[in-house]
Amino acid sequence: MEIAPETQPRADERSVELPRGRPGTRFPKKGWLPTTGPVDWIAQYHTPGIGFVLRRRLSWVAGVLPLRMSAVLEIGYGSGVFQYELSRRARFSVGIDVHAAGATVRAQLGKDGVDVALLQGSGVSLPFRDDAFDAVVVISALEFMPDPAGCLREARRVLRPGGRFVCLRPRELKWADAVFQALTGSSPEAEFVGGRARVRHAIQTQAPDARRLPRPAGIPRFLAPYELLVFDVPA
């Protein structure tokens, strides 16, 4: 299958806005949460420049999530930074990640009054029954998976009827990559190793029905460095 170029809009990429949640997100103090691996950027969240971008990503995702949920799953929770927000919206918040620092992350979250269940495992083989969650969230983690298409299939499987999938992903843009490298000293492609292209292909094959919302909102889609991928399971 031919993969559509990143800079060209597709017919199914509708710039529609979704109902927004309450503004702002809860956020931990500097140094509170552990760094769980080489692609965990929690230490940069409080820095100028890239820190502003990282914090804004959380607000974008929060803006399209339901305000009240029974159960929510975050795939690739990392340091647990978004669990502050998810725990106030859901009665039961679950995170899954491949790293082994779950006990440490949960302990730190618990000291801040954030009660969550954290599991070690893969997003392409979720250890949950069908129709288990009201929402599934993936924040800039899909591009690090060897099989993002498998993750999208698993997300659909565990979503309840009427449930929502929300994924924030970075797009392949030369100008955005140059800015990222200037802010961080790191090459995006060295981080992703082809992951963004794999995600593009996975979206075309596994989520052609998804709404694809450029972020930041209000700028032309072909210039937007991020994209929110959102789909709802029919009720």
Protein backbone atom coordinates (compact mmCIF):
# COMPACT_ATOMS: atom_id res chain seq x y z
CA MET A 1 0.00 0.00 0.00
CA GLU A 2 1.31 3.47 -0.90
CA ILE A 3 1.75 5.71 2.13
CA ALA A 4 0.44 9.24 1.73
CA PRO A 5 3.17 11.90 2.14
CA GLU A 6 3.11 13.56 5.56
CA THR A 7 2.80 17.08 4.20
CA GLN A 8 -0.26 16.39 2.03
CA PRO A 9 -3.74 16.41 3.60
CA ARG A 10 -5.90 13.37 2.93
CA ALA A 11 -9.62 13.34 2.25
CA ASP A 12 -10.32 11.53 5.54
CA GLU A 13 -8.29 14.00 7.63
CA ARG A 14 -11.09 16.28 8.73
CA SER A 15 -10.19 19.38 10.75
CA VAL A 16 -13.08 19.05 13.17
CA GLU A 17 -13.08 20.09 16.79
CA LEU A 18 -14.34 17.81 19.54
CA PRO A 19 -16.05 18.66 22.84
CA ARG A 20 -13.40 20.05 25.15
CA GLY A 21 -12.71 19.17 28.76
CA ARG A 22 -12.00 21.66 31.53
CA PRO A 23 -8.97 23.86 30.79
CA GLY A 24 -5.61 23.07 32.31
CA THR A 25 -4.18 19.85 33.66
CA ARG A 26 -2.84 18.77 37.04
CA PHE A 27 0.92 18.60 37.07
CA PRO A 28 3.63 17.32 39.47
CA LYS A 29 6.34 19.47 40.96
CA LYS A 30 9.82 19.43 39.45
CA GLY A 31 11.83 16.27 40.15
CA TRP A 32 8.94 14.41 41.75
CA LEU A 33 8.50 11.66 39.18
CA PRO A 34 11.31 9.32 38.08
CA THR A 35 12.81 9.08 34.62
CA THR A 36 11.86 5.59 33.45
CA GLY A 37 13.94 5.20 30.31
CA PRO A 38 15.90 6.90 27.52
CA VAL A 39 12.77 8.25 25.80
CA ASP A 40 11.13 9.51 29.01
CA TRP A 41 11.32 13.32 28.91
CA ILE A 42 9.92 14.05 32.37
CA ALA A 43 13.09 15.94 33.37
CA GLN A 44 12.47 18.42 30.54
CA TYR A 45 8.85 19.26 31.45
CA HIS A 46 9.91 22.17 33.67
CA THR A 47 12.48 23.61 31.29
CA PRO A 48 11.86 26.60 28.99
CA GLY A 49 11.33 25.93 25.31
CA ILE A 50 10.80 22.19 24.95
CA GLY A 51 9.16 22.07 28.39
CA PHE A 52 6.38 24.37 27.18
CA VAL A 53 5.75 22.08 24.21
CA LEU A 54 5.66 18.97 26.42
CA ARG A 55 3.15 20.55 28.81
CA ARG A 56 0.97 21.76 25.96
CA ARG A 57 0.74 18.22 24.60
CA LEU A 58 -0.99 17.13 27.80
CA SER A 59 -3.53 19.94 27.49
CA TRP A 60 -4.31 18.97 23.89
CA VAL A 61 -5.08 15.41 24.89
CA ALA A 62 -7.07 16.44 27.96
CA GLY A 63 -9.16 18.74 25.76
CA VAL A 64 -10.72 15.87 23.79
CA LEU A 65 -11.20 13.37 26.64
CA PRO A 66 -14.50 12.89 28.49
CA LEU A 67 -14.72 14.70 31.82
CA ARG A 68 -16.12 11.64 33.58
CA MET A 69 -15.16 8.02 32.96
CA SER A 70 -15.50 4.76 34.81
CA ALA A 71 -12.22 3.28 33.55
CA VAL A 72 -9.41 4.67 31.41
CA LEU A 73 -6.23 3.08 30.06
CA GLU A 74 -3.00 4.90 29.19
CA ILE A 75 -0.65 2.95 26.94
CA GLY A 76 2.96 4.05 27.41
CA TYR A 77 2.43 5.99 30.66
CA GLY A 78 6.17 6.59 31.14
CA SER A 79 6.78 8.56 34.33
CA GLY A 80 3.02 8.79 35.02
CA VAL A 81 2.81 12.53 34.37
CA PHE A 82 -0.64 12.33 32.71
CA GLN A 83 -2.07 10.14 35.46
CA TYR A 84 -2.64 13.30 37.51
CA GLU A 85 -5.26 14.33 34.99
CA LEU A 86 -6.68 10.89 34.23
CA SER A 87 -7.16 10.01 37.90
CA ARG A 88 -9.42 13.00 38.49
CA ARG A 89 -11.63 12.10 35.53
CA ALA A 90 -11.91 8.33 35.98
CA ARG A 91 -12.92 6.16 38.92
CA PHE A 92 -10.30 3.61 37.82
CA SER A 93 -7.14 4.62 35.92
CA VAL A 94 -4.75 2.02 34.51
CA GLY A 95 -1.35 2.46 32.87
CA ILE A 96 0.74 -0.04 30.94
CA ASP A 97 4.33 0.34 29.77
CA VAL A 98 7.27 -1.87 28.88
CA HIS A 99 9.58 -0.45 31.56
CA ALA A 100 9.98 -2.02 35.00
CA ALA A 101 9.68 1.14 37.13
CA GLY A 102 5.96 0.86 37.79
CA ALA A 103 6.28 0.35 41.55
CA THR A 104 8.43 3.48 41.91
CA VAL A 105 6.11 5.56 39.74
CA ARG A 106 3.02 4.35 41.61
CA ALA A 107 4.61 5.15 44.98
CA GLN A 108 5.40 8.71 43.93
CA LEU A 109 1.95 9.21 42.46
CA GLY A 110 0.38 7.82 45.62
CA LYS A 111 2.22 10.38 47.77
CA ASP A 112 0.49 13.04 45.65
CA GLY A 113 -2.91 11.44 46.16
CA VAL A 114 -3.01 9.85 42.70
CA ASP A 115 -4.27 6.26 42.96
CA VAL A 116 -3.63 4.24 39.80
CA ALA A 117 -2.91 0.68 38.69
CA LEU A 118 0.32 0.33 36.71
CA LEU A 119 1.30 -2.78 34.77
CA GLN A 120 4.37 -3.86 32.86
CA GLY A 121 3.45 -5.05 29.40
CA SER A 122 3.14 -4.28 25.71
CA GLY A 123 0.57 -2.12 23.98
CA VAL A 124 0.32 -4.67 21.19
CA SER A 125 -0.79 -7.44 23.57
CA LEU A 126 -3.00 -5.91 26.25
CA PRO A 127 -3.85 -8.17 29.22
CA PHE A 128 -7.44 -6.95 29.45
CA ARG A 129 -10.81 -8.34 28.42
CA ASP A 130 -12.81 -6.91 25.54
CA ASP A 131 -14.89 -3.78 26.19
CA ALA A 132 -13.01 -2.91 29.40
CA PHE A 133 -12.39 0.86 29.13
CA ASP A 134 -14.26 4.07 28.40
CA ALA A 135 -11.13 5.63 26.89
CA VAL A 136 -7.67 4.60 25.75
CA VAL A 137 -4.91 7.23 25.65
CA VAL A 138 -1.50 7.15 23.93
CA ILE A 139 0.70 10.24 24.22
CA SER A 140 3.68 10.22 21.86
CA ALA A 141 4.34 6.53 22.45
CA LEU A 142 2.95 4.86 19.34
CA GLU A 143 6.01 5.88 17.30
CA PHE A 144 8.29 3.93 19.65
CA MET A 145 6.42 0.66 19.13
CA PRO A 146 7.64 -1.90 16.58
CA ASP A 147 4.01 -2.71 15.70
CA PRO A 148 1.80 0.40 16.04
CA ALA A 149 -0.90 -1.25 13.93
CA GLY A 150 -1.16 -4.00 16.54
CA CYS A 151 -1.57 -1.38 19.25
CA LEU A 152 -4.42 0.29 17.36
CA ARG A 153 -6.18 -3.07 16.98
CA GLU A 154 -5.78 -3.81 20.67
CA ALA A 155 -7.10 -0.37 21.62
CA ARG A 156 -10.28 -0.98 19.64
CA ARG A 157 -10.70 -4.37 21.27
CA VAL A 158 -10.57 -3.11 24.85
CA LEU A 159 -12.76 -0.05 24.27
CA ARG A 160 -16.40 -0.25 25.34
CA PRO A 161 -19.19 0.72 22.95
CA GLY A 162 -19.23 4.50 22.95
CA GLY A 163 -15.58 4.59 24.10
CA ARG A 164 -12.95 6.97 22.75
CA PHE A 165 -9.37 6.46 21.58
CA VAL A 166 -7.04 9.48 21.74
CA CYS A 167 -3.46 9.46 20.49
CA LEU A 168 -1.05 12.37 20.15
CA ARG A 169 1.71 11.79 17.62
CA PRO A 170 4.54 13.90 16.19
CA ARG A 171 4.49 14.45 12.45
CA GLU A 172 7.37 14.28 9.98
CA LEU A 173 8.12 17.90 9.13
CA LYS A 174 11.59 19.22 8.34
CA TRP A 175 11.02 22.55 10.04
CA ALA A 176 9.64 20.95 13.21
CA ASP A 177 12.53 18.47 13.32
CA ALA A 178 15.00 21.36 13.01
CA VAL A 179 13.34 23.24 15.89
CA PHE A 180 13.29 20.09 18.04
CA GLN A 181 16.99 19.53 17.43
CA ALA A 182 17.77 23.16 18.23
CA LEU A 183 15.86 22.95 21.52
CA THR A 184 17.10 19.55 22.65
CA GLY A 185 20.34 18.85 20.79
CA SER A 186 18.83 15.55 19.68
CA SER A 187 17.73 14.43 16.22
CA PRO A 188 14.06 13.36 16.16
CA GLU A 189 14.73 10.55 13.72
CA ALA A 190 17.49 9.24 15.98
CA GLU A 191 14.80 9.00 18.65
CA PHE A 192 12.05 7.48 16.50
CA VAL A 193 14.12 5.30 14.10
CA GLY A 194 11.42 5.23 11.45
CA GLY A 195 8.60 5.06 13.98
CA ARG A 196 6.67 8.01 12.58
CA ALA A 197 6.45 6.37 9.16
CA ARG A 198 5.25 3.13 10.76
CA VAL A 199 2.54 5.07 12.58
CA ARG A 200 1.39 6.75 9.35
CA HIS A 201 0.99 3.37 7.71
CA ALA A 202 -0.77 1.94 10.76
CA ILE A 203 -3.30 4.78 10.76
CA GLN A 204 -4.13 4.21 7.13
CA THR A 205 -4.71 0.50 7.63
CA GLN A 206 -6.18 0.36 11.14
CA ALA A 207 -7.82 3.74 11.77
CA PRO A 208 -9.09 5.17 8.48
CA ASP A 209 -12.21 6.35 10.34
CA ALA A 210 -10.24 8.47 12.83
CA ARG A 211 -10.52 12.23 13.10
CA ARG A 212 -7.09 13.76 12.60
CA LEU A 213 -6.76 17.11 14.33
CA PRO A 214 -3.67 19.30 13.79
CA ARG A 215 -2.03 20.73 16.89
CA PRO A 216 -1.53 23.49 17.79
CA ALA A 217 -5.04 24.29 16.60
CA GLY A 218 -5.47 27.32 14.38
CA ILE A 219 -2.44 26.85 12.14
CA PRO A 220 -2.55 25.24 8.68
CA ARG A 221 -2.53 21.49 8.88
CA PHE A 222 0.53 21.11 6.69
CA LEU A 223 2.52 23.15 9.23
CA ALA A 224 1.24 21.48 12.42
CA PRO A 225 4.03 19.55 14.21
CA TYR A 226 1.57 17.32 16.07
CA GLU A 227 -1.65 15.51 15.31
CA LEU A 228 -4.40 14.20 17.54
CA LEU A 229 -5.80 10.92 16.31
CA VAL A 230 -9.31 10.34 17.71
CA PHE A 231 -11.88 7.65 17.04
CA ASP A 232 -15.04 6.59 18.86
CA VAL A 233 -16.37 3.05 19.06
CA PRO A 234 -20.04 2.97 17.99
CA ALA A 235 -22.41 2.75 20.94
